[in-house]
C-alpha atoms as a PDB file:
ATOM      1  CA  MET A   1       0.000   0.000   0.000  1.00  0.00           C
ATOM      2  CA  THR A   2       1.189   3.503  -0.800  1.00  0.00           C
ATOM      3  CA  GLN A   3       0.663   6.431   1.543  1.00  0.00           C
ATOM      4  CA  TYR A   4      -0.872   9.630   0.146  1.00  0.00           C
ATOM      5  CA  LEU A   5      -1.208  13.143   1.457  1.00  0.00           C
ATOM      6  CA  PHE A   6      -4.574  14.750   0.778  1.00  0.00           C
ATOM      7  CA  SER A   7      -4.145  18.519   1.210  1.00  0.00           C
ATOM      8  CA  VAL A   8      -7.366  20.508   1.591  1.00  0.00           C
ATOM      9  CA  ILE A   9      -6.836  23.741  -0.357  1.00  0.00           C
ATOM     10  CA  HIS A  10      -8.874  26.794   0.632  1.00  0.00           C
ATOM     11  CA  ASP A  11      -9.166  30.082  -1.226  1.00  0.00           C
ATOM     12  CA  TYR A  12      -8.447  32.057   1.940  1.00  0.00           C
ATOM     13  CA  VAL A  13      -9.432  35.395   0.399  1.00  0.00           C
ATOM     14  CA  ASN A  14     -12.728  34.493  -1.291  1.00  0.00           C
ATOM     15  CA  ASN A  15     -13.837  31.400   0.664  1.00  0.00           C
ATOM     16  CA  PRO A  16     -12.095  31.184   4.048  1.00  0.00           C
ATOM     17  CA  PRO A  17     -12.497  28.017   6.110  1.00  0.00           C
ATOM     18  CA  ILE A  18     -14.767  28.140   9.157  1.00  0.00           C
ATOM     19  CA  ALA A  19     -16.654  31.218   7.983  1.00  0.00           C
ATOM     20  CA  ASP A  20     -20.355  30.329   7.986  1.00  0.00           C
ATOM     21  CA  PRO A  21     -21.600  28.181  10.902  1.00  0.00           C
ATOM     22  CA  VAL A  22     -24.569  26.745   8.965  1.00  0.00           C
ATOM     23  CA  LYS A  23     -22.576  25.974   5.816  1.00  0.00           C
ATOM     24  CA  ASP A  24     -19.662  24.687   7.895  1.00  0.00           C
ATOM     25  CA  ALA A  25     -21.908  22.348   9.923  1.00  0.00           C
ATOM     26  CA  ALA A  26     -23.101  20.709   6.704  1.00  0.00           C
ATOM     27  CA  MET A  27     -19.511  20.429   5.443  1.00  0.00           C
ATOM     28  CA  PHE A  28     -18.322  18.894   8.738  1.00  0.00           C
ATOM     29  CA  ALA A  29     -21.175  16.355   8.531  1.00  0.00           C
ATOM     30  CA  ARG A  30     -20.115  15.395   4.978  1.00  0.00           C
ATOM     31  CA  VAL A  31     -16.459  15.157   6.012  1.00  0.00           C
ATOM     32  CA  GLY A  32     -17.410  13.057   9.049  1.00  0.00           C
ATOM     33  CA  ALA A  33     -19.314  10.632   6.824  1.00  0.00           C
ATOM     34  CA  PHE A  34     -16.367  10.491   4.409  1.00  0.00           C
ATOM     35  CA  ASN A  35     -13.962   9.847   7.306  1.00  0.00           C
ATOM     36  CA  GLU A  36     -16.158   7.048   8.594  1.00  0.00           C
ATOM     37  CA  SER A  37     -16.277   5.448   5.141  1.00  0.00           C
ATOM     38  CA  ILE A  38     -12.453   5.297   4.863  1.00  0.00           C
ATOM     39  CA  LYS A  39     -11.530   4.930   8.552  1.00  0.00           C
ATOM     40  CA  ASP A  40      -9.436   1.809   7.886  1.00  0.00           C
ATOM     41  CA  GLN A  41      -7.312   3.741   5.378  1.00  0.00           C
ATOM     42  CA  ILE A  42      -6.717   6.901   7.439  1.00  0.00           C
ATOM     43  CA  LEU A  43      -3.307   7.055   9.110  1.00  0.00           C
ATOM     44  CA  PHE A  44      -3.674  10.673  10.266  1.00  0.00           C
ATOM     45  CA  MET A  45      -5.999  13.603   9.663  1.00  0.00           C
ATOM     46  CA  GLY A  46      -6.522  17.083  11.008  1.00  0.00           C
ATOM     47  CA  GLY A  47      -7.596  20.642  10.379  1.00  0.00           C
ATOM     48  CA  LEU A  48      -5.205  23.560  10.636  1.00  0.00           C
ATOM     49  CA  HIS A  49      -5.535  26.966  12.286  1.00  0.00           C
ATOM     50  CA  SER A  50      -5.408  30.034  10.043  1.00  0.00           C
ATOM     51  CA  PRO A  51      -2.074  31.130   8.500  1.00  0.00           C
ATOM     52  CA  GLU A  52      -1.756  33.894  11.106  1.00  0.00           C
ATOM     53  CA  ALA A  53      -1.132  31.152  13.691  1.00  0.00           C
ATOM     54  CA  ALA A  54       1.891  29.861  11.752  1.00  0.00           C
ATOM     55  CA  THR A  55       5.544  30.221  12.689  1.00  0.00           C
ATOM     56  CA  THR A  56       8.059  29.798   9.876  1.00  0.00           C
ATOM     57  CA  CYS A  57      11.530  28.460  10.659  1.00  0.00           C
ATOM     58  CA  THR A  58      14.300  29.293   8.186  1.00  0.00           C
ATOM     59  CA  VAL A  59      18.079  29.490   8.014  1.00  0.00           C
ATOM     60  CA  THR A  60      19.656  32.911   7.421  1.00  0.00           C
ATOM     61  CA  ASN A  61      23.452  33.219   7.300  1.00  0.00           C
ATOM     62  CA  GLY A  62      23.751  29.779   8.890  1.00  0.00           C
ATOM     63  CA  GLU A  63      21.491  30.679  11.822  1.00  0.00           C
ATOM     64  CA  ALA A  64      18.078  29.105  12.358  1.00  0.00           C
ATOM     65  CA  ILE A  65      15.424  31.730  13.017  1.00  0.00           C
ATOM     66  CA  ALA A  66      11.681  31.651  13.641  1.00  0.00           C
ATOM     67  CA  THR A  67       9.320  34.259  12.218  1.00  0.00           C
ATOM     68  CA  ASP A  68       5.650  34.720  13.052  1.00  0.00           C
ATOM     69  CA  GLY A  69       3.299  34.093  10.158  1.00  0.00           C
ATOM     70  CA  PRO A  70       3.166  31.943   7.057  1.00  0.00           C
ATOM     71  CA  TYR A  71       6.102  31.345   4.741  1.00  0.00           C
ATOM     72  CA  THR A  72       4.530  33.211   1.837  1.00  0.00           C
ATOM     73  CA  GLU A  73       1.612  35.504   1.210  1.00  0.00           C
ATOM     74  CA  SER A  74      -0.947  33.516  -0.690  1.00  0.00           C
ATOM     75  CA  LYS A  75      -4.651  33.499  -1.326  1.00  0.00           C
ATOM     76  CA  GLU A  76      -4.625  29.681  -1.236  1.00  0.00           C
ATOM     77  CA  ILE A  77      -3.823  27.868   1.997  1.00  0.00           C
ATOM     78  CA  ILE A  78      -3.800  24.317   3.288  1.00  0.00           C
ATOM     79  CA  GLY A  79      -6.725  24.159   5.695  1.00  0.00           C
ATOM     80  CA  GLY A  80      -6.415  20.519   6.649  1.00  0.00           C
ATOM     81  CA  LEU A  81      -5.066  17.153   5.586  1.00  0.00           C
ATOM     82  CA  TRP A  82      -5.378  13.418   5.584  1.00  0.00           C
ATOM     83  CA  VAL A  83      -2.624  10.834   5.289  1.00  0.00           C
ATOM     84  CA  ILE A  84      -4.206   7.700   3.871  1.00  0.00           C
ATOM     85  CA  GLU A  85      -3.143   4.367   2.432  1.00  0.00           C
ATOM     86  CA  ALA A  86      -4.388   3.185  -0.941  1.00  0.00           C
ATOM     87  CA  ALA A  87      -3.584   0.134  -3.023  1.00  0.00           C
ATOM     88  CA  THR A  88      -3.267   2.105  -6.272  1.00  0.00           C
ATOM     89  CA  HIS A  89      -2.919   5.694  -7.434  1.00  0.00           C
ATOM     90  CA  HIS A  90      -6.306   5.370  -9.132  1.00  0.00           C
ATOM     91  CA  GLU A  91      -7.909   4.380  -5.814  1.00  0.00           C
ATOM     92  CA  ALA A  92      -6.271   7.380  -4.094  1.00  0.00           C
ATOM     93  CA  VAL A  93      -7.548   9.748  -6.789  1.00  0.00           C
ATOM     94  CA  GLU A  94     -11.067   8.337  -6.489  1.00  0.00           C
ATOM     95  CA  LEU A  95     -10.896   8.917  -2.710  1.00  0.00           C
ATOM     96  CA  GLY A  96      -9.581  12.420  -3.399  1.00  0.00           C
ATOM     97  CA  LYS A  97     -12.627  13.097  -5.569  1.00  0.00           C
ATOM     98  CA  ARG A  98     -14.869  12.011  -2.710  1.00  0.00           C
ATOM     99  CA  ALA A  99     -12.867  14.175  -0.276  1.00  0.00           C
ATOM    100  CA  THR A 100     -13.282  17.271  -2.440  1.00  0.00           C
ATOM    101  CA  GLN A 101     -17.030  16.666  -2.631  1.00  0.00           C
ATOM    102  CA  ALA A 102     -17.156  16.352   1.169  1.00  0.00           C
ATOM    103  CA  CYS A 103     -15.076  19.494   1.783  1.00  0.00           C
ATOM    104  CA  GLY A 104     -16.470  21.586  -1.038  1.00  0.00           C
ATOM    105  CA  VAL A 105     -12.962  22.820  -1.890  1.00  0.00           C
ATOM    106  CA  ALA A 106      -9.968  21.477  -3.827  1.00  0.00           C
ATOM    107  CA  VAL A 107      -8.063  18.484  -2.480  1.00  0.00           C
ATOM    108  CA  GLU A 108      -4.563  17.777  -3.771  1.00  0.00           C
ATOM    109  CA  VAL A 109      -3.627  14.054  -3.804  1.00  0.00           C
ATOM    110  CA  ARG A 110       0.110  13.387  -3.614  1.00  0.00           C
ATOM    111  CA  PRO A 111       1.971  10.116  -2.939  1.00  0.00           C
ATOM    112  CA  PHE A 112       4.783   9.862  -0.439  1.00  0.00           C
ATOM    113  CA  HIS A 113       8.171   8.549  -1.590  1.00  0.00           C
ATOM    114  CA  GLY A 114       8.613   4.885  -0.776  1.00  0.00           C
ATOM    115  CA  ILE A 115      11.134   4.093   1.921  1.00  0.00           C
END
């Protein structure tokens, strides 16, 4: 089985996550049903706080520093993720299609390198 990262991509400017309690409740119900349907394939999942909660660690002149905020300014952010196992890339993509329907936003499906 190959492991895949499903990144939930939000348009932070035009459609921020956790913005409308009624709409969000319906989305969380759909995501919960999706999670239940693939629970044996989920290795890890979680939602992320907004980019303002980020701390970016970089190296400048050989020194590691931490800076408040996201690495780049962007209208698109990762709002959450799953790490799942799938037997084939096709299966992972089909699950990704179901994930995007549940979330109502784009989901990027990307395999991990084999070890």
